[in-house]
Amino acid sequence: MTTIIPNEIQQIAQDIYRTIRQKRVENSAITVLHIADEYSFMAQGTNADTPDNVWFFEIGTEKTAREFFIHNPPTAGEVENAIQVVEDEVMPLHKLLTVDSNLYTLDARILEIARVSAFEESKQGTILSIQDMEHAFTRLTAIISGRPASQDILPTTNAFAATLLILREVMHHLRFRNITIC
């Protein structure tokens, strides 16, 4: 996690937070996750206009795939190395996040994960539970371990694997039960 956030990313975080907040009715705390190509961030707050906190991570879909995945699909060792780095990025947030905050995103890549997993539709958006996300990760692990990719509908790109890995580490280590894709 980086403490200095570039102004343009700070603005993107505020814009995405505001968009999601406008779709919410109650004033409970929300947490927003955005996984971009070269970085990720989380924003959290109860305010309607701006988040109370924004955290920037030097992990992203393309960056993680490029830096850790040599093979397609990646090997188990490549995934383990990526997991260690992603964990190191997100774990410091464990003690900083507001308890009982719900996780939201606008990311099309996370919606893609939901679409190849079990998901639930609500008036708020598409909801992907941690159990269904973990099941998708288990399916990816089976492909990495040698199961033919043709036996599953999971995308076989390293970018998909990196996004799923980042989402898994965020949900698992920061204890989010689900993510709503607006």
Protein backbone atom coordinates (compact mmCIF):
# COMPACT_ATOMS: atom_id res chain seq x y z
CA MET A 1 0.00 0.00 0.00
CA THR A 2 1.32 3.42 -0.95
CA THR A 3 0.60 6.49 1.14
CA ILE A 4 1.10 9.08 -1.62
CA ILE A 5 -1.73 8.89 -4.14
CA PRO A 6 -1.39 10.74 -7.46
CA ASN A 7 -4.03 13.47 -7.91
CA GLU A 8 -5.57 11.88 -11.01
CA ILE A 9 -6.10 8.58 -9.18
CA GLN A 10 -7.48 10.43 -6.16
CA GLN A 11 -9.99 12.08 -8.52
CA ILE A 12 -10.94 8.73 -10.11
CA ALA A 13 -11.45 7.27 -6.62
CA GLN A 14 -13.70 10.15 -5.63
CA ASP A 15 -15.70 9.91 -8.87
CA ILE A 16 -16.25 6.15 -8.55
CA TYR A 17 -17.09 6.48 -4.86
CA ARG A 18 -19.62 9.24 -5.60
CA THR A 19 -21.22 7.22 -8.42
CA ILE A 20 -21.68 4.19 -6.18
CA ARG A 21 -22.82 6.30 -3.24
CA GLN A 22 -25.54 7.88 -5.41
CA LYS A 23 -26.93 4.38 -6.08
CA ARG A 24 -27.12 3.62 -2.33
CA VAL A 25 -30.14 4.60 -0.25
CA GLU A 26 -28.95 4.35 3.35
CA ASN A 27 -26.00 6.21 4.83
CA SER A 28 -24.02 3.20 6.03
CA ALA A 29 -20.30 2.93 5.43
CA ILE A 30 -19.31 1.62 2.02
CA THR A 31 -16.00 0.43 0.66
CA VAL A 32 -15.21 0.72 -3.03
CA LEU A 33 -12.71 -1.53 -4.81
CA HIS A 34 -11.25 -0.60 -8.19
CA ILE A 35 -8.76 -2.87 -9.95
CA ALA A 36 -7.20 -1.02 -12.88
CA ASP A 37 -4.53 -2.27 -15.28
CA GLU A 38 -1.52 -0.87 -13.38
CA TYR A 39 -2.88 -0.14 -9.89
CA SER A 40 -5.80 -0.72 -7.55
CA PHE A 41 -7.44 1.35 -4.88
CA MET A 42 -10.03 1.13 -2.17
CA ALA A 43 -12.09 4.05 -0.92
CA GLN A 44 -14.26 4.00 2.17
CA GLY A 45 -16.66 6.38 3.81
CA THR A 46 -20.13 7.37 4.94
CA ASN A 47 -20.14 10.81 3.32
CA ALA A 48 -22.23 11.18 0.16
CA ASP A 49 -19.73 13.31 -1.76
CA THR A 50 -16.23 12.17 -0.89
CA PRO A 51 -14.72 9.11 0.76
CA ASP A 52 -13.23 9.41 4.22
CA ASN A 53 -10.18 7.38 3.15
CA VAL A 54 -8.55 6.25 -0.09
CA TRP A 55 -5.86 3.57 -0.19
CA PHE A 56 -3.66 2.99 -3.25
CA PHE A 57 -2.05 -0.33 -4.17
CA GLU A 58 0.72 -0.97 -6.65
CA ILE A 59 -1.03 -4.05 -8.00
CA GLY A 60 -3.34 -4.23 -10.99
CA THR A 61 -4.67 -6.63 -13.57
CA GLU A 62 -2.03 -6.18 -16.27
CA LYS A 63 0.82 -5.28 -13.90
CA THR A 64 0.31 -8.38 -11.75
CA ALA A 65 -0.08 -10.64 -14.80
CA ARG A 66 3.02 -9.16 -16.46
CA GLU A 67 5.23 -9.24 -13.35
CA PHE A 68 4.30 -12.72 -12.06
CA PHE A 69 2.77 -14.86 -14.80
CA ILE A 70 5.21 -16.17 -17.39
CA HIS A 71 3.01 -19.08 -18.48
CA ASN A 72 -0.59 -19.07 -19.67
CA PRO A 73 -2.25 -20.29 -17.56
CA PRO A 74 0.18 -19.36 -14.81
CA THR A 75 1.86 -22.09 -12.83
CA ALA A 76 1.06 -22.79 -9.18
CA GLY A 77 4.40 -21.25 -8.19
CA GLU A 78 3.69 -18.09 -10.19
CA VAL A 79 0.30 -17.74 -8.50
CA GLU A 80 1.84 -18.28 -5.05
CA ASN A 81 4.42 -15.55 -5.69
CA ALA A 82 1.67 -13.16 -6.83
CA ILE A 83 -0.46 -14.01 -3.79
CA GLN A 84 2.40 -13.10 -1.43
CA VAL A 85 2.82 -9.66 -3.02
CA VAL A 86 -0.93 -8.96 -3.16
CA GLU A 87 -1.31 -10.03 0.50
CA ASP A 88 1.50 -7.67 1.50
CA GLU A 89 -0.31 -4.82 -0.28
CA VAL A 90 -3.79 -5.37 1.16
CA MET A 91 -3.15 -6.75 4.67
CA PRO A 92 -2.28 -3.37 6.27
CA LEU A 93 -5.90 -2.31 5.64
CA HIS A 94 -7.23 -5.02 7.93
CA LYS A 95 -7.07 -2.77 10.98
CA LEU A 96 -7.98 0.46 9.14
CA LEU A 97 -11.30 -0.48 7.55
CA THR A 98 -14.62 0.34 9.16
CA VAL A 99 -16.22 -2.81 10.53
CA ASP A 100 -19.41 -3.96 8.75
CA SER A 101 -18.80 -1.92 5.63
CA ASN A 102 -20.15 -3.38 2.39
CA LEU A 103 -17.88 -3.79 -0.64
CA TYR A 104 -18.82 -2.29 -4.04
CA THR A 105 -17.26 -1.91 -7.47
CA LEU A 106 -18.02 -0.66 -10.97
CA ASP A 107 -15.33 -2.90 -12.53
CA ALA A 108 -16.34 -4.82 -15.66
CA ARG A 109 -13.64 -7.41 -14.94
CA ILE A 110 -15.19 -8.22 -11.57
CA LEU A 111 -18.59 -8.45 -13.26
CA GLU A 112 -17.00 -10.99 -15.62
CA ILE A 113 -15.94 -13.05 -12.59
CA ALA A 114 -19.51 -12.90 -11.27
CA ARG A 115 -20.92 -13.99 -14.62
CA VAL A 116 -18.82 -17.16 -14.70
CA SER A 117 -19.72 -17.83 -11.06
CA ALA A 118 -22.98 -18.09 -9.22
CA PHE A 119 -24.28 -14.63 -8.47
CA GLU A 120 -27.41 -12.88 -7.27
CA GLU A 121 -29.15 -9.85 -8.79
CA SER A 122 -30.53 -7.12 -6.55
CA LYS A 123 -31.76 -3.58 -7.08
CA GLN A 124 -28.27 -2.49 -5.99
CA GLY A 125 -26.50 -4.57 -8.66
CA THR A 126 -24.92 -7.98 -9.13
CA ILE A 127 -23.80 -9.60 -5.87
CA LEU A 128 -20.90 -12.04 -5.81
CA SER A 129 -20.47 -13.89 -2.50
CA ILE A 130 -17.09 -14.83 -1.12
CA GLN A 131 -18.08 -18.51 -1.38
CA ASP A 132 -18.86 -18.21 -5.09
CA MET A 133 -15.70 -16.20 -5.71
CA GLU A 134 -13.66 -18.85 -3.84
CA HIS A 135 -15.31 -21.53 -5.97
CA ALA A 136 -14.20 -19.67 -9.11
CA PHE A 137 -10.66 -19.49 -7.68
CA THR A 138 -10.76 -23.25 -6.97
CA ARG A 139 -11.78 -23.83 -10.59
CA LEU A 140 -8.86 -21.68 -11.75
CA THR A 141 -6.53 -23.66 -9.49
CA ALA A 142 -7.78 -26.90 -11.08
CA ILE A 143 -6.94 -25.53 -14.53
CA ILE A 144 -3.51 -24.43 -13.29
CA SER A 145 -3.01 -27.94 -11.91
CA GLY A 146 -3.69 -29.52 -15.28
CA ARG A 147 -7.43 -29.86 -15.77
CA PRO A 148 -8.19 -28.96 -19.41
CA ALA A 149 -9.41 -25.36 -19.67
CA SER A 150 -11.98 -26.55 -22.21
CA GLN A 151 -13.86 -28.25 -19.35
CA ASP A 152 -14.72 -24.89 -17.80
CA ILE A 153 -16.13 -21.54 -18.92
CA LEU A 154 -13.50 -19.51 -17.05
CA PRO A 155 -11.52 -17.16 -19.29
CA THR A 156 -7.99 -18.45 -19.73
CA THR A 157 -6.18 -15.11 -19.84
CA ASN A 158 -3.58 -14.16 -17.29
CA ALA A 159 -5.42 -10.85 -16.80
CA PHE A 160 -8.51 -12.76 -15.65
CA ALA A 161 -6.36 -14.84 -13.28
CA ALA A 162 -4.72 -11.69 -11.87
CA THR A 163 -8.06 -9.93 -11.31
CA LEU A 164 -9.54 -12.99 -9.61
CA LEU A 165 -6.44 -13.33 -7.43
CA ILE A 166 -6.56 -9.67 -6.34
CA LEU A 167 -10.30 -9.85 -5.65
CA ARG A 168 -9.82 -13.06 -3.66
CA GLU A 169 -7.09 -11.60 -1.47
CA VAL A 170 -9.11 -8.42 -0.80
CA MET A 171 -12.30 -10.30 0.09
CA HIS A 172 -10.55 -13.04 2.07
CA HIS A 173 -8.07 -11.01 4.11
CA LEU A 174 -10.27 -7.96 4.63
CA ARG A 175 -13.26 -10.18 5.49
CA PHE A 176 -15.86 -9.05 2.99
CA ARG A 177 -18.72 -11.55 2.66
CA ASN A 178 -19.66 -10.31 -0.80
CA ILE A 179 -19.08 -7.62 -3.39
CA THR A 180 -21.79 -5.73 -5.22
CA ILE A 181 -21.06 -4.81 -8.82
CA CYS A 182 -23.09 -1.71 -9.67
